[in-house]
C-alpha cells in the first residue's frame, strides 16, 4: 500500500479521505461492538505458575535441584 497512489488505496479499501460515514460507523458498532480491550483478572499465582510450564524451564529447574542435592 505504501507505494500506491492515495486515490488507488482509497478505492481498494472502499473508503474516503473523510473516514467512515455515520451509517457505516453505526453498522460496525452494532456488528463488532465498542473498541475496548477486555481486562482479564488473573491471580499472581496463576501468572507465576504459567512461567514454569515451558519444558525447557522445567528441565533447568530439575537440573538445578539435582546439582544442589548432589553437591555439584
PDB file of N, CA and C in Angstrom:
ATOM      1  N   UNK A   1       0.819  -1.198   0.000  1.00  0.00           N
ATOM      2  CA  UNK A   1       0.000   0.000   0.000  1.00  0.00           C
ATOM      3  C   UNK A   1       0.862   1.261   0.000  1.00  0.00           C
ATOM      4  N   UNK A   2       2.057   1.166   0.545  1.00  0.00           N
ATOM      5  CA  UNK A   2       2.871   2.369   0.714  1.00  0.00           C
ATOM      6  C   UNK A   2       3.352   2.950  -0.612  1.00  0.00           C
ATOM      7  N   UNK A   3       3.376   2.141  -1.679  1.00  0.00           N
ATOM      8  CA  UNK A   3       3.852   2.665  -2.948  1.00  0.00           C
ATOM      9  C   UNK A   3       2.740   2.952  -3.946  1.00  0.00           C
ATOM     10  N   UNK A   4       1.499   2.917  -3.497  1.00  0.00           N
ATOM     11  CA  UNK A   4       0.353   3.194  -4.364  1.00  0.00           C
ATOM     12  C   UNK A   4      -0.103   4.629  -4.177  1.00  0.00           C
ATOM     13  N   UNK A   5      -0.813   5.113  -5.164  1.00  0.00           N
ATOM     14  CA  UNK A   5      -1.384   6.460  -5.078  1.00  0.00           C
ATOM     15  C   UNK A   5      -2.513   6.465  -4.056  1.00  0.00           C
ATOM     16  N   UNK A   6      -2.738   7.604  -3.439  1.00  0.00           N
ATOM     17  CA  UNK A   6      -3.767   7.730  -2.396  1.00  0.00           C
ATOM     18  C   UNK A   6      -5.136   7.344  -2.935  1.00  0.00           C
ATOM     19  N   UNK A   7      -5.464   7.815  -4.123  1.00  0.00           N
ATOM     20  CA  UNK A   7      -6.777   7.511  -4.710  1.00  0.00           C
ATOM     21  C   UNK A   7      -6.959   6.007  -4.916  1.00  0.00           C
ATOM     22  N   UNK A   8      -5.894   5.340  -5.332  1.00  0.00           N
ATOM     23  CA  UNK A   8      -5.957   3.900  -5.559  1.00  0.00           C
ATOM     24  C   UNK A   8      -6.176   3.143  -4.255  1.00  0.00           C
ATOM     25  N   UNK A   9      -5.514   3.554  -3.203  1.00  0.00           N
ATOM     26  CA  UNK A   9      -5.678   2.911  -1.899  1.00  0.00           C
ATOM     27  C   UNK A   9      -7.086   3.132  -1.366  1.00  0.00           C
ATOM     28  N   UNK A  10      -7.593   4.356  -1.482  1.00  0.00           N
ATOM     29  CA  UNK A  10      -8.949   4.646  -1.008  1.00  0.00           C
ATOM     30  C   UNK A  10      -9.973   3.812  -1.749  1.00  0.00           C
ATOM     31  N   UNK A  11      -9.786   3.662  -3.066  1.00  0.00           N
ATOM     32  CA  UNK A  11     -10.725   2.870  -3.858  1.00  0.00           C
ATOM     33  C   UNK A  11     -10.641   1.396  -3.461  1.00  0.00           C
ATOM     34  N   UNK A  12      -9.425   0.891  -3.273  1.00  0.00           N
ATOM     35  CA  UNK A  12      -9.232  -0.511  -2.915  1.00  0.00           C
ATOM     36  C   UNK A  12      -9.821  -0.835  -1.545  1.00  0.00           C
ATOM     37  N   UNK A  13      -9.713   0.093  -0.601  1.00  0.00           N
ATOM     38  CA  UNK A  13     -10.235  -0.123   0.746  1.00  0.00           C
ATOM     39  C   UNK A  13     -11.689   0.310   0.902  1.00  0.00           C
ATOM     40  N   UNK A  14     -12.264   0.818  -0.182  1.00  0.00           N
ATOM     41  CA  UNK A  14     -13.667   1.250  -0.192  1.00  0.00           C
ATOM     42  C   UNK A  14     -13.938   2.269   0.916  1.00  0.00           C
ATOM     43  N   UNK A  15     -13.156   3.335   0.913  1.00  0.00           N
ATOM     44  CA  UNK A  15     -13.297   4.375   1.924  1.00  0.00           C
ATOM     45  C   UNK A  15     -13.078   5.741   1.283  1.00  0.00           C
ATOM     46  N   UNK A  16     -13.081   6.767   2.098  1.00  0.00           N
ATOM     47  CA  UNK A  16     -12.849   8.121   1.610  1.00  0.00           C
ATOM     48  C   UNK A  16     -11.835   8.793   2.528  1.00  0.00           C
ATOM     49  N   UNK A  17     -11.283   9.929   2.106  1.00  0.00           N
ATOM     50  CA  UNK A  17     -10.324  10.619   2.970  1.00  0.00           C
ATOM     51  C   UNK A  17     -10.974  11.195   4.230  1.00  0.00           C
ATOM     52  N   UNK A  18     -12.298  11.189   4.287  1.00  0.00           N
ATOM     53  CA  UNK A  18     -13.022  11.746   5.428  1.00  0.00           C
ATOM     54  C   UNK A  18     -13.394  10.689   6.459  1.00  0.00           C
ATOM     55  N   UNK A  19     -13.025   9.422   6.219  1.00  0.00           N
ATOM     56  CA  UNK A  19     -13.317   8.351   7.169  1.00  0.00           C
ATOM     57  C   UNK A  19     -14.672   7.716   6.917  1.00  0.00           C
ATOM     58  N   UNK A  20     -15.186   7.046   7.910  1.00  0.00           N
ATOM     59  CA  UNK A  20     -16.465   6.349   7.797  1.00  0.00           C
ATOM     60  C   UNK A  20     -17.635   7.321   7.859  1.00  0.00           C
ATOM     61  N   UNK A  21     -18.680   6.961   7.138  1.00  0.00           N
ATOM     62  CA  UNK A  21     -19.907   7.742   7.270  1.00  0.00           C
ATOM     63  C   UNK A  21     -20.579   7.348   8.593  1.00  0.00           C
ATOM     64  N   UNK A  22     -21.521   8.144   9.030  1.00  0.00           N
ATOM     65  CA  UNK A  22     -22.230   7.858  10.274  1.00  0.00           C
ATOM     66  C   UNK A  22     -22.940   6.518  10.185  1.00  0.00           C
ATOM     67  N   UNK A  23     -23.524   6.234   9.023  1.00  0.00           N
ATOM     68  CA  UNK A  23     -24.250   4.981   8.822  1.00  0.00           C
ATOM     69  C   UNK A  23     -23.319   3.772   8.926  1.00  0.00           C
ATOM     70  N   UNK A  24     -22.145   3.843   8.276  1.00  0.00           N
ATOM     71  CA  UNK A  24     -21.195   2.737   8.344  1.00  0.00           C
ATOM     72  C   UNK A  24     -20.649   2.568   9.761  1.00  0.00           C
ATOM     73  N   UNK A  25     -20.406   3.671  10.442  1.00  0.00           N
ATOM     74  CA  UNK A  25     -19.897   3.602  11.809  1.00  0.00           C
ATOM     75  C   UNK A  25     -20.911   2.923  12.727  1.00  0.00           C
ATOM     76  N   UNK A  26     -22.187   3.259  12.569  1.00  0.00           N
ATOM     77  CA  UNK A  26     -23.228   2.639  13.397  1.00  0.00           C
ATOM     78  C   UNK A  26     -23.354   1.151  13.089  1.00  0.00           C
ATOM     79  N   UNK A  27     -23.262   0.796  11.798  1.00  0.00           N
ATOM     80  CA  UNK A  27     -23.336  -0.608  11.410  1.00  0.00           C
ATOM     81  C   UNK A  27     -22.186  -1.410  12.017  1.00  0.00           C
ATOM     82  N   UNK A  28     -20.978  -0.851  11.953  1.00  0.00           N
ATOM     83  CA  UNK A  28     -19.826  -1.544  12.518  1.00  0.00           C
ATOM     84  C   UNK A  28     -19.910  -1.625  14.043  1.00  0.00           C
ATOM     85  N   UNK A  29     -20.450  -0.598  14.663  1.00  0.00           N
ATOM     86  CA  UNK A  29     -20.618  -0.617  16.116  1.00  0.00           C
ATOM     87  C   UNK A  29     -21.570  -1.735  16.525  1.00  0.00           C
ATOM     88  N   UNK A  30     -22.663  -1.893  15.780  1.00  0.00           N
ATOM     89  CA  UNK A  30     -23.611  -2.965  16.082  1.00  0.00           C
ATOM     90  C   UNK A  30     -22.983  -4.337  15.839  1.00  0.00           C
ATOM     91  N   UNK A  31     -22.191  -4.444  14.779  1.00  0.00           N
ATOM     92  CA  UNK A  31     -21.617  -5.740  14.410  1.00  0.00           C
ATOM     93  C   UNK A  31     -20.441  -6.136  15.310  1.00  0.00           C
ATOM     94  N   UNK A  32     -19.520  -5.200  15.572  1.00  0.00           N
ATOM     95  CA  UNK A  32     -18.292  -5.532  16.285  1.00  0.00           C
ATOM     96  C   UNK A  32     -18.270  -5.051  17.735  1.00  0.00           C
ATOM     97  N   UNK A  33     -19.154  -4.163  18.103  1.00  0.00           N
ATOM     98  CA  UNK A  33     -19.165  -3.644  19.465  1.00  0.00           C
ATOM     99  C   UNK A  33     -18.192  -2.492  19.633  1.00  0.00           C
ATOM    100  N   UNK A  34     -18.039  -2.053  20.871  1.00  0.00           N
ATOM    101  CA  UNK A  34     -17.146  -0.948  21.161  1.00  0.00           C
ATOM    102  C   UNK A  34     -15.691  -1.371  20.993  1.00  0.00           C
ATOM    103  N   UNK A  35     -14.847  -0.423  20.712  1.00  0.00           N
ATOM    104  CA  UNK A  35     -13.417  -0.670  20.538  1.00  0.00           C
ATOM    105  C   UNK A  35     -12.740  -0.661  21.903  1.00  0.00           C
ATOM    106  N   UNK A  36     -12.966  -1.741  22.653  1.00  0.00           N
ATOM    107  CA  UNK A  36     -12.432  -1.846  24.005  1.00  0.00           C
ATOM    108  C   UNK A  36     -11.731  -3.184  24.174  1.00  0.00           C
ATOM    109  N   UNK A  37     -10.705  -3.181  24.979  1.00  0.00           N
ATOM    110  CA  UNK A  37      -9.989  -4.410  25.316  1.00  0.00           C
ATOM    111  C   UNK A  37     -10.557  -4.928  26.630  1.00  0.00           C
ATOM    112  N   UNK A  38     -10.914  -6.209  26.621  1.00  0.00           N
ATOM    113  CA  UNK A  38     -11.444  -6.806  27.841  1.00  0.00           C
ATOM    114  C   UNK A  38     -10.303  -7.034  28.824  1.00  0.00           C
ATOM    115  N   UNK A  39     -10.496  -6.590  30.037  1.00  0.00           N
ATOM    116  CA  UNK A  39      -9.468  -6.752  31.061  1.00  0.00           C
ATOM    117  C   UNK A  39      -9.693  -8.074  31.779  1.00  0.00           C
ATOM    118  N   UNK A  40      -8.662  -8.911  31.753  1.00  0.00           N
ATOM    119  CA  UNK A  40      -8.760 -10.203  32.429  1.00  0.00           C
ATOM    120  C   UNK A  40      -8.106 -10.102  33.803  1.00  0.00           C
ATOM    121  N   UNK A  41      -8.775 -10.618  34.789  1.00  0.00           N
ATOM    122  CA  UNK A  41      -8.242 -10.633  36.149  1.00  0.00           C
ATOM    123  C   UNK A  41      -7.633 -12.013  36.393  1.00  0.00           C
ATOM    124  N   UNK A  42      -6.319 -12.049  36.551  1.00  0.00           N
ATOM    125  CA  UNK A  42      -5.636 -13.287  36.876  1.00  0.00           C
ATOM    126  C   UNK A  42      -4.861 -13.087  38.176  1.00  0.00           C
ATOM    127  N   UNK A  43      -4.854 -14.130  38.960  1.00  0.00           N
ATOM    128  CA  UNK A  43      -4.130 -14.015  40.223  1.00  0.00           C
ATOM    129  C   UNK A  43      -2.625 -14.067  39.953  1.00  0.00           C
ATOM    130  N   UNK A  44      -1.883 -13.559  40.891  1.00  0.00           N
ATOM    131  CA  UNK A  44      -0.429 -13.557  40.784  1.00  0.00           C
ATOM    132  C   UNK A  44       0.095 -14.988  40.716  1.00  0.00           C
ATOM    133  N   UNK A  45      -0.545 -15.905  41.420  1.00  0.00           N
ATOM    134  CA  UNK A  45      -0.092 -17.298  41.454  1.00  0.00           C
ATOM    135  C   UNK A  45      -0.268 -17.965  40.101  1.00  0.00           C
ATOM    136  N   UNK A  46      -1.353 -17.690  39.426  1.00  0.00           N
ATOM    137  CA  UNK A  46      -1.576 -18.272  38.095  1.00  0.00           C
ATOM    138  C   UNK A  46      -0.519 -17.761  37.123  1.00  0.00           C
ATOM    139  N   UNK A  47      -0.224 -16.487  37.197  1.00  0.00           N
ATOM    140  CA  UNK A  47       0.800 -15.906  36.326  1.00  0.00           C
ATOM    141  C   UNK A  47       2.155 -16.534  36.626  1.00  0.00           C
ATOM    142  N   UNK A  48       2.489 -16.700  37.905  1.00  0.00           N
ATOM    143  CA  UNK A  48       3.765 -17.284  38.300  1.00  0.00           C
ATOM    144  C   UNK A  48       3.871 -18.736  37.846  1.00  0.00           C
ATOM    145  N   UNK A  49       2.821 -19.521  38.026  1.00  0.00           N
ATOM    146  CA  UNK A  49       2.846 -20.924  37.615  1.00  0.00           C
ATOM    147  C   UNK A  49       2.948 -21.067  36.102  1.00  0.00           C
ATOM    148  N   UNK A  50       2.327 -20.170  35.369  1.00  0.00           N
ATOM    149  CA  UNK A  50       2.377 -20.221  33.908  1.00  0.00           C
ATOM    150  C   UNK A  50       3.800 -19.993  33.391  1.00  0.00           C
ATOM    151  N   UNK A  51       4.624 -19.308  34.168  1.00  0.00           N
ATOM    152  CA  UNK A  51       6.008 -19.066  33.770  1.00  0.00           C
ATOM    153  C   UNK A  51       6.811 -20.362  33.733  1.00  0.00           C
ATOM    154  N   UNK A  52       6.390 -21.359  34.481  1.00  0.00           N
ATOM    155  CA  UNK A  52       7.138 -22.608  34.593  1.00  0.00           C
ATOM    156  C   UNK A  52       6.524 -23.749  33.793  1.00  0.00           C
ATOM    157  N   UNK A  53       5.691 -23.481  32.838  1.00  0.00           N
ATOM    158  CA  UNK A  53       5.085 -24.538  32.035  1.00  0.00           C
ATOM    159  C   UNK A  53       5.893 -24.872  30.796  1.00  0.00           C
ATOM    160  N   UNK A  54       6.904 -24.099  30.479  1.00  0.00           N
ATOM    161  CA  UNK A  54       7.773 -24.380  29.352  1.00  0.00           C
ATOM    162  C   UNK A  54       8.651 -25.577  29.699  1.00  0.00           C
ATOM    163  N   UNK A  55       8.717 -26.609  28.836  1.00  0.00           N
ATOM    164  CA  UNK A  55       9.520 -27.803  29.146  1.00  0.00           C
ATOM    165  C   UNK A  55      10.997 -27.493  29.403  1.00  0.00           C
ATOM    166  N   UNK A  56      11.564 -26.557  28.694  1.00  0.00           N
ATOM    167  CA  UNK A  56      12.967 -26.212  28.902  1.00  0.00           C
ATOM    168  C   UNK A  56      13.191 -25.633  30.296  1.00  0.00           C
ATOM    169  N   UNK A  57      12.266 -24.809  30.758  1.00  0.00           N
ATOM    170  CA  UNK A  57      12.374 -24.247  32.108  1.00  0.00           C
ATOM    171  C   UNK A  57      12.276 -25.360  33.145  1.00  0.00           C
ATOM    172  N   UNK A  58      11.368 -26.312  32.935  1.00  0.00           N
ATOM    173  CA  UNK A  58      11.233 -27.428  33.879  1.00  0.00           C
ATOM    174  C   UNK A  58      12.511 -28.254  33.941  1.00  0.00           C
ATOM    175  N   UNK A  59      13.137 -28.498  32.790  1.00  0.00           N
ATOM    176  CA  UNK A  59      14.397 -29.246  32.761  1.00  0.00           C
ATOM    177  C   UNK A  59      15.473 -28.497  33.543  1.00  0.00           C
ATOM    178  N   UNK A  60      15.543 -27.187  33.358  1.00  0.00           N
ATOM    179  CA  UNK A  60      16.549 -26.396  34.075  1.00  0.00           C
ATOM    180  C   UNK A  60      16.298 -26.383  35.578  1.00  0.00           C
ATOM    181  N   UNK A  61      15.049 -26.324  35.993  1.00  0.00           N
ATOM    182  CA  UNK A  61      14.726 -26.340  37.421  1.00  0.00           C
ATOM    183  C   UNK A  61      15.108 -27.687  38.029  1.00  0.00           C
ATOM    184  N   UNK A  62      14.772 -28.788  37.344  1.00  0.00           N
ATOM    185  CA  UNK A  62      15.129 -30.127  37.837  1.00  0.00           C
ATOM    186  C   UNK A  62      16.643 -30.264  37.894  1.00  0.00           C
ATOM    187  N   UNK A  63      17.345 -29.801  36.875  1.00  0.00           N
ATOM    188  CA  UNK A  63      18.814 -29.875  36.874  1.00  0.00           C
ATOM    189  C   UNK A  63      19.396 -29.058  38.022  1.00  0.00           C
ATOM    190  N   UNK A  64      18.810 -27.923  38.322  1.00  0.00           N
ATOM    191  CA  UNK A  64      19.279 -27.107  39.443  1.00  0.00           C
ATOM    192  C   UNK A  64      19.107 -27.819  40.769  1.00  0.00           C
ATOM    193  N   UNK A  65      17.963 -28.462  40.981  1.00  0.00           N
ATOM    194  CA  UNK A  65      17.736 -29.216  42.219  1.00  0.00           C
ATOM    195  C   UNK A  65      18.701 -30.386  42.331  1.00  0.00           C
ATOM    196  N   UNK A  66      18.919 -31.103  41.230  1.00  0.00           N
ATOM    197  CA  UNK A  66      19.851 -32.227  41.258  1.00  0.00           C
ATOM    198  C   UNK A  66      21.265 -31.757  41.595  1.00  0.00           C
ATOM    199  N   UNK A  67      21.674 -30.671  40.970  1.00  0.00           N
ATOM    200  CA  UNK A  67      23.013 -30.126  41.263  1.00  0.00           C
ATOM    201  C   UNK A  67      23.126 -29.709  42.708  1.00  0.00           C
ATOM    202  N   UNK A  68      22.085 -29.142  43.259  1.00  0.00           N
ATOM    203  CA  UNK A  68      22.097 -28.707  44.654  1.00  0.00           C
ATOM    204  C   UNK A  68      22.209 -29.900  45.601  1.00  0.00           C
ATOM    205  N   UNK A  69      21.390 -30.938  45.363  1.00  0.00           N
ATOM    206  CA  UNK A  69      21.378 -32.086  46.264  1.00  0.00           C
ATOM    207  C   UNK A  69      22.590 -32.996  46.088  1.00  0.00           C
ATOM    208  N   UNK A  70      23.184 -33.014  44.898  1.00  0.00           N
ATOM    209  CA  UNK A  70      24.367 -33.854  44.673  1.00  0.00           C
ATOM    210  C   UNK A  70      25.642 -33.120  45.028  1.00  0.00           C
ATOM    211  N   UNK A  71      25.544 -31.837  45.264  1.00  0.00           N
ATOM    212  CA  UNK A  71      26.696 -31.071  45.706  1.00  0.00           C
ATOM    213  C   UNK A  71      27.602 -30.607  44.589  1.00  0.00           C
ATOM    214  N   UNK A  72      27.144 -30.585  43.370  1.00  0.00           N
ATOM    215  CA  UNK A  72      27.974 -30.126  42.241  1.00  0.00           C
ATOM    216  C   UNK A  72      27.650 -28.684  41.906  1.00  0.00           C
TER     217      UNK A  72
END
